[in-house]
């Protein structure tokens, strides 16, 4: 069970104070524990890609992180640069302000720009569910799925809350099988991880993967 659980985990390090040595350690941990991927800020993609070359472990870049408030051209450029450096997937933050302001066309154009920039590689759209109403969560899922996103993702882990069972269930229902769901933020133990998977997530984003696999409860986010 734990080996299968490991293969659902994006082993994540997105802190602003992460050093190159920290990224190397993250990659070593991913190899040792069999995680699906490592997820890092775009400036570290080249380091992670070099460390994991030939391992079969994917490198995931975040884009427009963590606010989602930069221009679509900037997000698309960051995504394309990350792919050039070795990223195999991109997790972009949705334009939260445009979503809350009712600008559906602007939100769709933002997602479209990043998807177009990565030439067919999987894009996960981070909704930051803790900032959204139920109706906004549903709308964000529908826009993302229709745009061709591979996943919708709950959270950055840098706002006021993380993944909840209720949000994962709602997101899984809202995408209607058109894309998958990634639960991220606040997953600190195996019971929570498994609950997220039962609720409909197929991928987990966490910096606590080692604790999860060892049956411990982590303090970190």
N, C-alpha and C. Protein backbone atom coordinates (compact mmCIF):
# COMPACT_ATOMS: atom_id res chain seq x y z
N UNK A 1 0.84 -1.21 0.00
CA UNK A 1 0.00 0.00 0.00
C UNK A 1 0.87 1.25 0.00
N UNK A 2 1.92 1.26 0.86
CA UNK A 2 2.74 2.45 0.95
C UNK A 2 3.50 2.72 -0.35
N UNK A 3 3.93 1.65 -1.04
CA UNK A 3 4.61 1.89 -2.32
C UNK A 3 3.65 2.50 -3.31
N UNK A 4 2.40 2.02 -3.36
CA UNK A 4 1.41 2.62 -4.24
C UNK A 4 1.14 4.06 -3.84
N UNK A 5 1.09 4.32 -2.54
CA UNK A 5 0.87 5.68 -2.05
C UNK A 5 2.01 6.60 -2.49
N UNK A 6 3.23 6.09 -2.42
CA UNK A 6 4.39 6.90 -2.83
C UNK A 6 4.25 7.36 -4.28
N UNK A 7 3.68 6.54 -5.12
CA UNK A 7 3.56 6.86 -6.54
C UNK A 7 2.46 7.88 -6.83
N UNK A 8 1.74 8.30 -5.80
CA UNK A 8 0.76 9.38 -5.97
C UNK A 8 1.32 10.72 -5.51
N UNK A 9 2.53 10.74 -4.97
CA UNK A 9 3.04 11.93 -4.28
C UNK A 9 4.00 12.73 -5.15
N UNK A 10 3.71 14.03 -5.28
CA UNK A 10 4.66 15.01 -5.79
C UNK A 10 5.43 15.53 -4.57
N UNK A 11 6.68 15.09 -4.43
CA UNK A 11 7.51 15.45 -3.27
C UNK A 11 7.95 16.91 -3.44
N UNK A 12 7.51 17.77 -2.55
CA UNK A 12 7.45 19.20 -2.82
C UNK A 12 8.38 20.02 -1.92
N UNK A 13 9.06 20.99 -2.53
CA UNK A 13 9.84 21.97 -1.78
C UNK A 13 9.74 23.30 -2.51
N UNK A 14 8.94 24.20 -1.94
CA UNK A 14 8.65 25.47 -2.59
C UNK A 14 8.98 26.67 -1.71
N UNK A 15 9.67 26.43 -0.59
CA UNK A 15 10.01 27.53 0.30
C UNK A 15 10.95 28.53 -0.39
N UNK A 16 10.79 29.79 -0.05
CA UNK A 16 11.64 30.83 -0.64
C UNK A 16 13.10 30.66 -0.23
N UNK A 17 13.35 30.07 0.94
CA UNK A 17 14.73 29.95 1.42
C UNK A 17 15.37 28.61 1.06
N UNK A 18 14.75 27.82 0.19
CA UNK A 18 15.34 26.56 -0.24
C UNK A 18 16.63 26.83 -1.01
N UNK A 19 17.67 26.08 -0.69
CA UNK A 19 18.95 26.23 -1.35
C UNK A 19 19.15 25.11 -2.37
N UNK A 20 20.21 25.22 -3.16
CA UNK A 20 20.52 24.16 -4.11
C UNK A 20 20.75 22.84 -3.39
N UNK A 21 21.42 22.90 -2.25
CA UNK A 21 21.64 21.68 -1.47
C UNK A 21 20.33 21.06 -1.02
N UNK A 22 19.35 21.90 -0.68
CA UNK A 22 18.04 21.39 -0.29
C UNK A 22 17.35 20.68 -1.46
N UNK A 23 17.49 21.23 -2.65
CA UNK A 23 16.89 20.61 -3.83
C UNK A 23 17.54 19.27 -4.13
N UNK A 24 18.85 19.19 -3.98
CA UNK A 24 19.55 17.92 -4.18
C UNK A 24 19.07 16.89 -3.18
N UNK A 25 18.90 17.30 -1.92
CA UNK A 25 18.38 16.38 -0.90
C UNK A 25 16.98 15.92 -1.25
N UNK A 26 16.14 16.84 -1.73
CA UNK A 26 14.78 16.50 -2.14
C UNK A 26 14.80 15.41 -3.20
N UNK A 27 15.68 15.55 -4.16
CA UNK A 27 15.77 14.57 -5.24
C UNK A 27 16.28 13.23 -4.72
N UNK A 28 17.24 13.25 -3.82
CA UNK A 28 17.72 12.01 -3.20
C UNK A 28 16.59 11.30 -2.48
N UNK A 29 15.77 12.06 -1.76
CA UNK A 29 14.63 11.49 -1.04
C UNK A 29 13.63 10.88 -2.01
N UNK A 30 13.39 11.57 -3.11
CA UNK A 30 12.44 11.07 -4.11
C UNK A 30 12.90 9.73 -4.67
N UNK A 31 14.18 9.60 -4.95
CA UNK A 31 14.71 8.32 -5.43
C UNK A 31 14.59 7.24 -4.37
N UNK A 32 14.94 7.58 -3.14
CA UNK A 32 14.95 6.59 -2.07
C UNK A 32 13.56 6.06 -1.74
N UNK A 33 12.57 6.92 -1.85
CA UNK A 33 11.22 6.54 -1.43
C UNK A 33 10.27 6.26 -2.59
N UNK A 34 10.74 6.45 -3.81
CA UNK A 34 9.92 6.10 -4.96
C UNK A 34 8.76 7.03 -5.23
N UNK A 35 8.93 8.32 -4.93
CA UNK A 35 7.86 9.27 -5.20
C UNK A 35 7.65 9.45 -6.70
N UNK A 36 6.46 9.88 -7.06
CA UNK A 36 6.16 10.08 -8.48
C UNK A 36 7.01 11.19 -9.08
N UNK A 37 7.18 12.27 -8.32
CA UNK A 37 7.89 13.43 -8.85
C UNK A 37 8.47 14.25 -7.71
N UNK A 38 9.26 15.26 -8.10
CA UNK A 38 9.57 16.38 -7.22
C UNK A 38 8.92 17.61 -7.81
N UNK A 39 8.47 18.50 -6.94
CA UNK A 39 7.82 19.74 -7.37
C UNK A 39 8.58 20.91 -6.75
N UNK A 40 9.14 21.76 -7.63
CA UNK A 40 10.01 22.85 -7.18
C UNK A 40 9.69 24.13 -7.95
N UNK A 41 10.21 25.23 -7.42
CA UNK A 41 10.10 26.50 -8.14
C UNK A 41 10.91 26.43 -9.43
N UNK A 42 10.51 27.23 -10.41
CA UNK A 42 11.06 27.09 -11.75
C UNK A 42 12.57 27.36 -11.82
N UNK A 43 13.10 28.15 -10.90
CA UNK A 43 14.53 28.44 -10.92
C UNK A 43 15.38 27.22 -10.58
N UNK A 44 14.76 26.19 -10.00
CA UNK A 44 15.50 24.98 -9.60
C UNK A 44 15.26 23.80 -10.53
N UNK A 45 14.53 24.00 -11.61
CA UNK A 45 14.21 22.88 -12.50
C UNK A 45 15.47 22.24 -13.07
N UNK A 46 16.42 23.06 -13.50
CA UNK A 46 17.63 22.49 -14.11
C UNK A 46 18.40 21.63 -13.13
N UNK A 47 18.45 22.05 -11.87
CA UNK A 47 19.14 21.26 -10.84
C UNK A 47 18.43 19.93 -10.62
N UNK A 48 17.12 20.00 -10.44
CA UNK A 48 16.35 18.78 -10.19
C UNK A 48 16.41 17.83 -11.39
N UNK A 49 16.31 18.38 -12.59
CA UNK A 49 16.35 17.54 -13.79
C UNK A 49 17.69 16.83 -13.92
N UNK A 50 18.75 17.52 -13.59
CA UNK A 50 20.08 16.90 -13.65
C UNK A 50 20.21 15.80 -12.60
N UNK A 51 19.73 16.08 -11.40
CA UNK A 51 19.83 15.11 -10.30
C UNK A 51 19.02 13.85 -10.58
N UNK A 52 17.90 14.00 -11.27
CA UNK A 52 16.98 12.87 -11.46
C UNK A 52 17.06 12.26 -12.85
N UNK A 53 18.02 12.69 -13.64
CA UNK A 53 18.15 12.16 -15.00
C UNK A 53 18.28 10.63 -14.97
N UNK A 54 17.45 9.98 -15.75
CA UNK A 54 17.48 8.53 -15.85
C UNK A 54 16.79 7.78 -14.73
N UNK A 55 16.22 8.50 -13.77
CA UNK A 55 15.59 7.85 -12.61
C UNK A 55 14.15 7.46 -12.85
N UNK A 56 13.51 8.08 -13.86
CA UNK A 56 12.08 7.86 -14.08
C UNK A 56 11.20 8.72 -13.19
N UNK A 57 11.81 9.54 -12.34
CA UNK A 57 11.05 10.44 -11.47
C UNK A 57 10.88 11.77 -12.19
N UNK A 58 9.65 12.24 -12.26
CA UNK A 58 9.31 13.45 -13.00
C UNK A 58 9.73 14.69 -12.21
N UNK A 59 10.01 15.76 -12.93
CA UNK A 59 10.25 17.07 -12.33
C UNK A 59 9.08 17.98 -12.68
N UNK A 60 8.45 18.55 -11.66
CA UNK A 60 7.28 19.41 -11.82
C UNK A 60 7.66 20.83 -11.44
N UNK A 61 7.29 21.80 -12.27
CA UNK A 61 7.53 23.21 -11.98
C UNK A 61 6.23 23.89 -11.59
N UNK A 62 6.30 24.80 -10.61
CA UNK A 62 5.17 25.69 -10.36
C UNK A 62 5.35 26.93 -11.21
N UNK A 63 4.24 27.55 -11.56
CA UNK A 63 4.23 28.68 -12.49
C UNK A 63 3.23 29.72 -11.99
N UNK A 64 3.65 30.99 -11.98
CA UNK A 64 2.78 32.03 -11.45
C UNK A 64 2.53 31.86 -9.97
N UNK A 65 3.51 31.34 -9.28
CA UNK A 65 3.36 30.89 -7.90
C UNK A 65 3.87 31.95 -6.93
N UNK A 66 3.18 32.16 -5.78
CA UNK A 66 1.95 31.50 -5.34
C UNK A 66 0.67 32.31 -5.53
N UNK A 67 0.76 33.51 -6.11
CA UNK A 67 -0.40 34.40 -6.14
C UNK A 67 -1.26 34.27 -7.38
N UNK A 68 -0.64 33.87 -8.50
CA UNK A 68 -1.41 33.80 -9.75
C UNK A 68 -1.76 35.14 -10.33
N UNK A 69 -1.13 36.22 -9.83
CA UNK A 69 -1.57 37.57 -10.16
C UNK A 69 -0.75 38.24 -11.24
N UNK A 70 0.23 37.54 -11.81
CA UNK A 70 1.03 38.14 -12.88
C UNK A 70 0.34 37.95 -14.23
N UNK A 71 0.84 38.65 -15.23
CA UNK A 71 0.22 38.59 -16.54
C UNK A 71 0.32 37.21 -17.18
N UNK A 72 -0.60 36.91 -18.05
CA UNK A 72 -0.63 35.61 -18.71
C UNK A 72 0.63 35.37 -19.53
N UNK A 73 1.15 36.43 -20.16
CA UNK A 73 2.38 36.27 -20.94
C UNK A 73 3.54 35.87 -20.05
N UNK A 74 3.60 36.43 -18.85
CA UNK A 74 4.66 36.08 -17.91
C UNK A 74 4.53 34.64 -17.45
N UNK A 75 3.32 34.21 -17.17
CA UNK A 75 3.10 32.82 -16.78
C UNK A 75 3.50 31.87 -17.90
N UNK A 76 3.08 32.19 -19.10
CA UNK A 76 3.39 31.33 -20.24
C UNK A 76 4.89 31.26 -20.48
N UNK A 77 5.59 32.39 -20.35
CA UNK A 77 7.03 32.41 -20.52
C UNK A 77 7.71 31.55 -19.45
N UNK A 78 7.29 31.71 -18.20
CA UNK A 78 7.87 30.91 -17.12
C UNK A 78 7.65 29.43 -17.37
N UNK A 79 6.45 29.07 -17.80
CA UNK A 79 6.15 27.66 -18.06
C UNK A 79 7.03 27.11 -19.17
N UNK A 80 7.17 27.86 -20.25
CA UNK A 80 7.99 27.40 -21.38
C UNK A 80 9.45 27.26 -20.98
N UNK A 81 9.95 28.20 -20.20
CA UNK A 81 11.34 28.13 -19.73
C UNK A 81 11.55 26.92 -18.82
N UNK A 82 10.57 26.64 -17.98
CA UNK A 82 10.68 25.49 -17.09
C UNK A 82 10.73 24.18 -17.88
N UNK A 83 9.92 24.10 -18.91
CA UNK A 83 9.93 22.90 -19.75
C UNK A 83 11.27 22.76 -20.46
N UNK A 84 11.80 23.87 -20.95
CA UNK A 84 13.11 23.84 -21.62
C UNK A 84 14.21 23.37 -20.66
N UNK A 85 14.04 23.67 -19.38
CA UNK A 85 15.04 23.29 -18.37
C UNK A 85 14.87 21.85 -17.88
N UNK A 86 13.75 21.20 -18.26
CA UNK A 86 13.58 19.81 -17.89
C UNK A 86 12.30 19.45 -17.16
N UNK A 87 11.39 20.39 -16.99
CA UNK A 87 10.12 20.08 -16.33
C UNK A 87 9.26 19.20 -17.22
N UNK A 88 8.60 18.22 -16.61
CA UNK A 88 7.70 17.35 -17.34
C UNK A 88 6.24 17.66 -17.10
N UNK A 89 5.96 18.48 -16.10
CA UNK A 89 4.61 18.97 -15.81
C UNK A 89 4.74 20.38 -15.25
N UNK A 90 3.65 21.15 -15.36
CA UNK A 90 3.61 22.51 -14.82
C UNK A 90 2.35 22.68 -13.99
N UNK A 91 2.53 23.18 -12.77
CA UNK A 91 1.41 23.51 -11.88
C UNK A 91 1.26 25.02 -11.85
N UNK A 92 0.25 25.56 -12.51
CA UNK A 92 0.05 27.01 -12.59
C UNK A 92 -1.02 27.46 -11.61
N UNK A 93 -0.86 28.66 -11.07
CA UNK A 93 -1.88 29.24 -10.21
C UNK A 93 -2.86 30.01 -11.08
N UNK A 94 -4.13 29.73 -10.89
CA UNK A 94 -5.17 30.40 -11.66
C UNK A 94 -5.18 31.90 -11.33
N UNK A 95 -5.75 32.69 -12.20
CA UNK A 95 -5.89 34.12 -11.94
C UNK A 95 -7.05 34.33 -10.97
N UNK A 96 -6.70 34.29 -9.69
CA UNK A 96 -7.72 34.27 -8.63
C UNK A 96 -8.57 35.53 -8.66
N UNK A 97 -7.94 36.68 -8.81
CA UNK A 97 -8.69 37.93 -8.82
C UNK A 97 -9.67 38.01 -9.99
N UNK A 98 -9.24 37.56 -11.16
CA UNK A 98 -10.15 37.56 -12.31
C UNK A 98 -11.31 36.59 -12.10
N UNK A 99 -11.01 35.45 -11.50
CA UNK A 99 -12.07 34.49 -11.21
C UNK A 99 -13.09 35.09 -10.26
N UNK A 100 -12.62 35.70 -9.19
CA UNK A 100 -13.54 36.27 -8.21
C UNK A 100 -14.26 37.50 -8.76
N UNK A 101 -13.66 38.15 -9.74
CA UNK A 101 -14.30 39.31 -10.35
C UNK A 101 -15.27 38.96 -11.46
N UNK A 102 -15.39 37.66 -11.76
CA UNK A 102 -16.35 37.22 -12.77
C UNK A 102 -15.85 37.28 -14.19
N UNK A 103 -14.54 37.47 -14.38
CA UNK A 103 -13.97 37.57 -15.73
C UNK A 103 -13.64 36.16 -16.24
N UNK A 104 -14.65 35.44 -16.67
CA UNK A 104 -14.44 34.06 -17.11
C UNK A 104 -13.53 33.99 -18.34
N UNK A 105 -13.69 34.94 -19.25
CA UNK A 105 -12.86 34.93 -20.45
C UNK A 105 -11.39 35.15 -20.10
N UNK A 106 -11.14 36.04 -19.15
CA UNK A 106 -9.77 36.30 -18.73
C UNK A 106 -9.14 35.09 -18.06
N UNK A 107 -9.92 34.40 -17.24
CA UNK A 107 -9.42 33.19 -16.59
C UNK A 107 -9.11 32.12 -17.63
N UNK A 108 -10.00 31.94 -18.58
CA UNK A 108 -9.79 30.93 -19.62
C UNK A 108 -8.57 31.27 -20.46
N UNK A 109 -8.41 32.55 -20.81
CA UNK A 109 -7.27 32.95 -21.62
C UNK A 109 -5.96 32.71 -20.88
N UNK A 110 -5.96 32.91 -19.58
CA UNK A 110 -4.78 32.70 -18.75
C UNK A 110 -4.37 31.23 -18.76
N UNK A 111 -5.35 30.34 -18.57
CA UNK A 111 -5.08 28.91 -18.59
C UNK A 111 -4.66 28.48 -19.99
N UNK A 112 -5.35 28.98 -20.99
CA UNK A 112 -5.01 28.64 -22.38
C UNK A 112 -3.56 28.99 -22.71
N UNK A 113 -3.11 30.15 -22.22
CA UNK A 113 -1.76 30.62 -22.55
C UNK A 113 -0.70 29.66 -22.02
N UNK A 114 -0.89 29.18 -20.81
CA UNK A 114 0.10 28.27 -20.22
C UNK A 114 0.04 26.91 -20.91
N UNK A 115 -1.15 26.41 -21.17
CA UNK A 115 -1.28 25.12 -21.84
C UNK A 115 -0.62 25.18 -23.22
N UNK A 116 -0.83 26.27 -23.94
CA UNK A 116 -0.22 26.41 -25.27
C UNK A 116 1.30 26.48 -25.17
N UNK A 117 1.82 27.07 -24.10
CA UNK A 117 3.26 27.29 -23.96
C UNK A 117 4.04 26.01 -23.70
N UNK A 118 3.36 24.96 -23.20
CA UNK A 118 4.10 23.75 -22.82
C UNK A 118 3.92 22.61 -23.82
N UNK A 119 3.29 22.89 -24.91
CA UNK A 119 3.26 21.97 -26.06
C UNK A 119 2.85 20.55 -25.70
N UNK A 120 1.71 20.43 -25.03
CA UNK A 120 1.14 19.11 -24.79
C UNK A 120 1.51 18.45 -23.48
N UNK A 121 2.43 19.03 -22.72
CA UNK A 121 2.74 18.45 -21.41
C UNK A 121 1.62 18.75 -20.43
N UNK A 122 1.46 17.91 -19.39
CA UNK A 122 0.36 18.11 -18.45
C UNK A 122 0.46 19.42 -17.67
N UNK A 123 -0.65 20.11 -17.56
CA UNK A 123 -0.76 21.32 -16.75
C UNK A 123 -1.78 21.09 -15.65
N UNK A 124 -1.39 21.42 -14.43
CA UNK A 124 -2.32 21.38 -13.30
C UNK A 124 -2.67 22.82 -12.95
N UNK A 125 -3.94 23.10 -12.76
CA UNK A 125 -4.39 24.45 -12.44
C UNK A 125 -4.72 24.52 -10.95
N UNK A 126 -3.95 25.35 -10.25
CA UNK A 126 -4.13 25.51 -8.80
C UNK A 126 -5.22 26.54 -8.57
N UNK A 127 -6.28 26.14 -7.84
CA UNK A 127 -7.43 27.02 -7.63
C UNK A 127 -7.31 27.92 -6.42
N UNK A 128 -6.54 27.52 -5.43
CA UNK A 128 -6.48 28.17 -4.11
C UNK A 128 -7.89 28.22 -3.50
N UNK A 129 -8.40 27.02 -3.22
CA UNK A 129 -9.79 26.84 -2.82
C UNK A 129 -10.17 27.60 -1.56
N UNK A 130 -9.22 27.85 -0.67
CA UNK A 130 -9.54 28.55 0.58
C UNK A 130 -10.00 29.98 0.34
N UNK A 131 -9.74 30.52 -0.84
CA UNK A 131 -10.13 31.90 -1.17
C UNK A 131 -11.39 31.97 -2.01
N UNK A 132 -11.98 30.81 -2.35
CA UNK A 132 -13.08 30.78 -3.30
C UNK A 132 -14.38 30.34 -2.65
N UNK A 133 -15.49 30.81 -3.22
CA UNK A 133 -16.81 30.30 -2.85
C UNK A 133 -17.03 28.96 -3.54
N UNK A 134 -18.07 28.27 -3.13
CA UNK A 134 -18.39 27.00 -3.77
C UNK A 134 -18.63 27.18 -5.27
N UNK A 135 -19.38 28.22 -5.61
CA UNK A 135 -19.68 28.47 -7.02
C UNK A 135 -18.40 28.78 -7.80
N UNK A 136 -17.48 29.52 -7.20
CA UNK A 136 -16.22 29.84 -7.87
C UNK A 136 -15.35 28.60 -8.07
N UNK A 137 -15.37 27.70 -7.10
CA UNK A 137 -14.62 26.45 -7.24
C UNK A 137 -15.15 25.63 -8.42
N UNK A 138 -16.46 25.53 -8.51
CA UNK A 138 -17.08 24.78 -9.60
C UNK A 138 -16.73 25.41 -10.94
N UNK A 139 -16.85 26.73 -11.02
CA UNK A 139 -16.56 27.44 -12.26
C UNK A 139 -15.10 27.26 -12.66
N UNK A 140 -14.20 27.37 -11.70
CA UNK A 140 -12.77 27.21 -11.99
C UNK A 140 -12.48 25.81 -12.51
N UNK A 141 -13.13 24.82 -11.94
CA UNK A 141 -12.96 23.44 -12.42
C UNK A 141 -13.46 23.29 -13.84
N UNK A 142 -14.62 23.86 -14.11
CA UNK A 142 -15.20 23.74 -15.45
C UNK A 142 -14.33 24.42 -16.49
N UNK A 143 -13.85 25.63 -16.18
CA UNK A 143 -13.00 26.36 -17.12
C UNK A 143 -11.71 25.58 -17.38
N UNK A 144 -11.10 25.08 -16.31
CA UNK A 144 -9.83 24.36 -16.44
C UNK A 144 -9.98 23.09 -17.25
N UNK A 145 -11.03 22.34 -16.95
CA UNK A 145 -11.25 21.08 -17.68
C UNK A 145 -11.54 21.33 -19.15
N UNK A 146 -12.35 22.34 -19.44
CA UNK A 146 -12.68 22.65 -20.83
C UNK A 146 -11.46 23.15 -21.60
N UNK A 147 -10.53 23.79 -20.90
CA UNK A 147 -9.32 24.31 -21.54
C UNK A 147 -8.31 23.21 -21.85
N UNK A 148 -8.50 22.04 -21.24
CA UNK A 148 -7.59 20.94 -21.50
C UNK A 148 -6.56 20.71 -20.41
N UNK A 149 -6.78 21.26 -19.22
CA UNK A 149 -5.87 21.00 -18.11
C UNK A 149 -5.89 19.51 -17.77
N UNK A 150 -4.75 18.99 -17.34
CA UNK A 150 -4.67 17.59 -16.95
C UNK A 150 -5.21 17.36 -15.55
N UNK A 151 -5.07 18.39 -14.70
CA UNK A 151 -5.52 18.32 -13.30
C UNK A 151 -6.06 19.68 -12.89
N UNK A 152 -6.95 19.66 -11.91
CA UNK A 152 -7.20 20.82 -11.06
C UNK A 152 -6.61 20.49 -9.70
N UNK A 153 -6.04 21.48 -9.06
CA UNK A 153 -5.30 21.29 -7.82
C UNK A 153 -5.86 22.23 -6.76
N UNK A 154 -5.96 21.76 -5.54
CA UNK A 154 -6.64 22.53 -4.50
C UNK A 154 -5.92 23.81 -4.12
N UNK A 155 -4.62 23.74 -3.83
CA UNK A 155 -4.00 24.80 -3.05
C UNK A 155 -2.52 24.96 -3.35
N UNK A 156 -1.99 26.15 -3.03
CA UNK A 156 -0.56 26.38 -3.08
C UNK A 156 0.14 25.93 -1.80
N UNK A 157 -0.59 25.93 -0.70
CA UNK A 157 0.03 25.71 0.61
C UNK A 157 0.58 26.99 1.21
N UNK A 158 0.38 28.12 0.52
CA UNK A 158 0.93 29.40 0.98
C UNK A 158 -0.16 30.42 1.30
N UNK A 159 -1.42 30.00 1.33
CA UNK A 159 -2.51 30.92 1.64
C UNK A 159 -3.11 30.54 2.99
N UNK A 160 -4.40 30.75 3.15
CA UNK A 160 -5.02 30.61 4.46
C UNK A 160 -5.51 29.19 4.77
N UNK A 161 -5.39 28.29 3.82
CA UNK A 161 -5.83 26.92 4.07
C UNK A 161 -5.38 26.00 2.96
N UNK A 162 -5.47 24.69 3.22
CA UNK A 162 -5.05 23.70 2.25
C UNK A 162 -6.20 22.84 1.77
N UNK A 163 -5.88 21.63 1.38
CA UNK A 163 -6.88 20.72 0.84
C UNK A 163 -7.86 20.26 1.92
N UNK A 164 -9.10 20.10 1.53
CA UNK A 164 -10.11 19.48 2.39
C UNK A 164 -10.80 18.36 1.61
N UNK A 165 -11.34 17.41 2.35
CA UNK A 165 -12.07 16.31 1.72
C UNK A 165 -13.23 16.85 0.89
N UNK A 166 -13.93 17.83 1.45
CA UNK A 166 -15.10 18.38 0.77
C UNK A 166 -14.72 19.04 -0.55
N UNK A 167 -13.60 19.77 -0.56
CA UNK A 167 -13.19 20.42 -1.79
C UNK A 167 -12.74 19.40 -2.84
N UNK A 168 -12.03 18.37 -2.41
CA UNK A 168 -11.60 17.35 -3.36
C UNK A 168 -12.81 16.67 -3.98
N UNK A 169 -13.79 16.34 -3.16
CA UNK A 169 -15.02 15.72 -3.68
C UNK A 169 -15.72 16.64 -4.66
N UNK A 170 -15.84 17.91 -4.30
CA UNK A 170 -16.52 18.88 -5.17
C UNK A 170 -15.78 19.03 -6.50
N UNK A 171 -14.46 19.10 -6.43
CA UNK A 171 -13.67 19.26 -7.65
C UNK A 171 -13.78 18.04 -8.55
N UNK A 172 -13.73 16.85 -7.95
CA UNK A 172 -13.86 15.62 -8.73
C UNK A 172 -15.22 15.56 -9.43
N UNK A 173 -16.26 15.99 -8.73
CA UNK A 173 -17.59 16.02 -9.34
C UNK A 173 -17.67 17.07 -10.45
N UNK A 174 -17.03 18.21 -10.22
CA UNK A 174 -17.16 19.34 -11.14
C UNK A 174 -16.45 19.11 -12.46
N UNK A 175 -15.33 18.38 -12.44
CA UNK A 175 -14.61 18.16 -13.70
C UNK A 175 -15.24 17.04 -14.52
N UNK A 176 -16.11 16.25 -13.91
CA UNK A 176 -16.86 15.24 -14.65
C UNK A 176 -16.01 14.26 -15.42
N UNK A 177 -14.84 13.90 -14.88
CA UNK A 177 -13.98 12.94 -15.54
C UNK A 177 -13.14 13.52 -16.67
N UNK A 178 -13.25 14.82 -16.92
CA UNK A 178 -12.48 15.44 -18.01
C UNK A 178 -11.03 15.67 -17.63
N UNK A 179 -10.74 15.75 -16.34
CA UNK A 179 -9.36 15.84 -15.87
C UNK A 179 -9.30 15.28 -14.47
N UNK A 180 -8.11 15.24 -13.89
CA UNK A 180 -7.90 14.65 -12.58
C UNK A 180 -7.80 15.72 -11.51
N UNK A 181 -7.70 15.28 -10.25
CA UNK A 181 -7.65 16.20 -9.12
C UNK A 181 -6.38 15.93 -8.32
N UNK A 182 -5.67 17.00 -8.00
CA UNK A 182 -4.51 16.93 -7.11
C UNK A 182 -4.84 17.64 -5.81
N UNK A 183 -4.68 16.96 -4.69
CA UNK A 183 -4.88 17.54 -3.37
C UNK A 183 -3.53 18.00 -2.84
N UNK A 184 -3.48 19.22 -2.35
CA UNK A 184 -2.21 19.79 -1.89
C UNK A 184 -2.47 20.77 -0.77
N UNK A 185 -1.58 20.75 0.22
CA UNK A 185 -1.69 21.68 1.33
C UNK A 185 -2.25 21.03 2.57
N UNK A 186 -1.42 20.89 3.60
CA UNK A 186 -1.89 20.39 4.88
C UNK A 186 -2.00 18.88 4.99
N UNK A 187 -1.43 18.14 4.06
CA UNK A 187 -1.48 16.67 4.12
C UNK A 187 -0.26 16.20 4.89
N UNK A 188 -0.47 15.77 6.13
CA UNK A 188 0.65 15.53 7.04
C UNK A 188 0.78 14.08 7.49
N UNK A 189 -0.20 13.22 7.18
CA UNK A 189 -0.13 11.84 7.65
C UNK A 189 -0.82 10.93 6.64
N UNK A 190 -0.60 9.63 6.81
CA UNK A 190 -1.11 8.67 5.82
C UNK A 190 -2.63 8.61 5.82
N UNK A 191 -3.26 8.78 6.99
CA UNK A 191 -4.72 8.73 7.04
C UNK A 191 -5.33 9.85 6.21
N UNK A 192 -4.77 11.05 6.33
CA UNK A 192 -5.25 12.17 5.53
C UNK A 192 -4.98 11.94 4.05
N UNK A 193 -3.79 11.46 3.74
CA UNK A 193 -3.43 11.19 2.34
C UNK A 193 -4.41 10.20 1.71
N UNK A 194 -4.67 9.11 2.40
CA UNK A 194 -5.57 8.10 1.86
C UNK A 194 -7.00 8.62 1.75
N UNK A 195 -7.40 9.47 2.69
CA UNK A 195 -8.74 10.06 2.63
C UNK A 195 -8.89 10.94 1.40
N UNK A 196 -7.83 11.68 1.06
CA UNK A 196 -7.87 12.53 -0.14
C UNK A 196 -8.00 11.68 -1.40
N UNK A 197 -7.30 10.55 -1.43
CA UNK A 197 -7.39 9.66 -2.59
C UNK A 197 -8.78 9.04 -2.68
N UNK A 198 -9.33 8.65 -1.56
CA UNK A 198 -10.69 8.08 -1.58
C UNK A 198 -11.72 9.12 -2.00
N UNK A 199 -11.45 10.39 -1.71
CA UNK A 199 -12.39 11.46 -2.06
C UNK A 199 -12.35 11.80 -3.54
N UNK A 200 -11.33 11.33 -4.25
CA UNK A 200 -11.29 11.57 -5.69
C UNK A 200 -9.98 12.11 -6.22
N UNK A 201 -9.01 12.42 -5.35
CA UNK A 201 -7.70 12.86 -5.82
C UNK A 201 -6.94 11.67 -6.39
N UNK A 202 -6.12 11.94 -7.40
CA UNK A 202 -5.23 10.91 -7.93
C UNK A 202 -3.77 11.29 -7.75
N UNK A 203 -3.51 12.51 -7.30
CA UNK A 203 -2.16 12.96 -7.02
C UNK A 203 -2.19 13.80 -5.75
N UNK A 204 -1.11 13.72 -4.97
CA UNK A 204 -0.98 14.48 -3.73
C UNK A 204 0.26 15.34 -3.79
N UNK A 205 0.14 16.59 -3.39
CA UNK A 205 1.29 17.46 -3.28
C UNK A 205 1.59 17.69 -1.81
N UNK A 206 2.80 17.32 -1.39
CA UNK A 206 3.13 17.46 0.02
C UNK A 206 4.63 17.48 0.22
N UNK A 207 5.05 18.23 1.24
CA UNK A 207 6.45 18.19 1.66
C UNK A 207 6.66 17.16 2.76
N UNK A 208 5.60 16.44 3.09
CA UNK A 208 5.62 15.51 4.22
C UNK A 208 5.57 14.04 3.79
N UNK A 209 5.99 13.77 2.56
CA UNK A 209 5.85 12.43 2.03
C UNK A 209 6.57 11.36 2.83
N UNK A 210 7.75 11.67 3.34
CA UNK A 210 8.50 10.67 4.10
C UNK A 210 7.77 10.31 5.38
N UNK A 211 7.27 11.32 6.09
CA UNK A 211 6.50 11.06 7.30
C UNK A 211 5.24 10.27 6.99
N UNK A 212 4.58 10.60 5.89
CA UNK A 212 3.36 9.90 5.50
C UNK A 212 3.64 8.42 5.27
N UNK A 213 4.72 8.12 4.56
CA UNK A 213 5.03 6.73 4.26
C UNK A 213 5.49 5.94 5.49
N UNK A 214 6.02 6.65 6.46
CA UNK A 214 6.52 5.97 7.67
C UNK A 214 5.47 5.90 8.78
N UNK A 215 4.25 6.38 8.49
CA UNK A 215 3.18 6.31 9.48
C UNK A 215 3.26 7.37 10.56
N UNK A 216 4.05 8.41 10.35
CA UNK A 216 4.17 9.49 11.32
C UNK A 216 3.28 10.66 10.92
N UNK A 217 3.19 11.63 11.81
CA UNK A 217 2.47 12.87 11.51
C UNK A 217 3.48 14.00 11.50
N UNK A 218 3.56 14.72 10.39
CA UNK A 218 4.54 15.79 10.23
C UNK A 218 4.01 17.09 10.78
N UNK A 219 4.95 17.96 11.14
CA UNK A 219 4.58 19.31 11.60
C UNK A 219 4.45 20.28 10.44
N UNK A 220 5.16 20.01 9.35
CA UNK A 220 5.21 20.95 8.24
C UNK A 220 3.93 20.97 7.43
N UNK A 221 3.86 21.92 6.49
CA UNK A 221 2.67 22.06 5.64
C UNK A 221 2.81 21.21 4.40
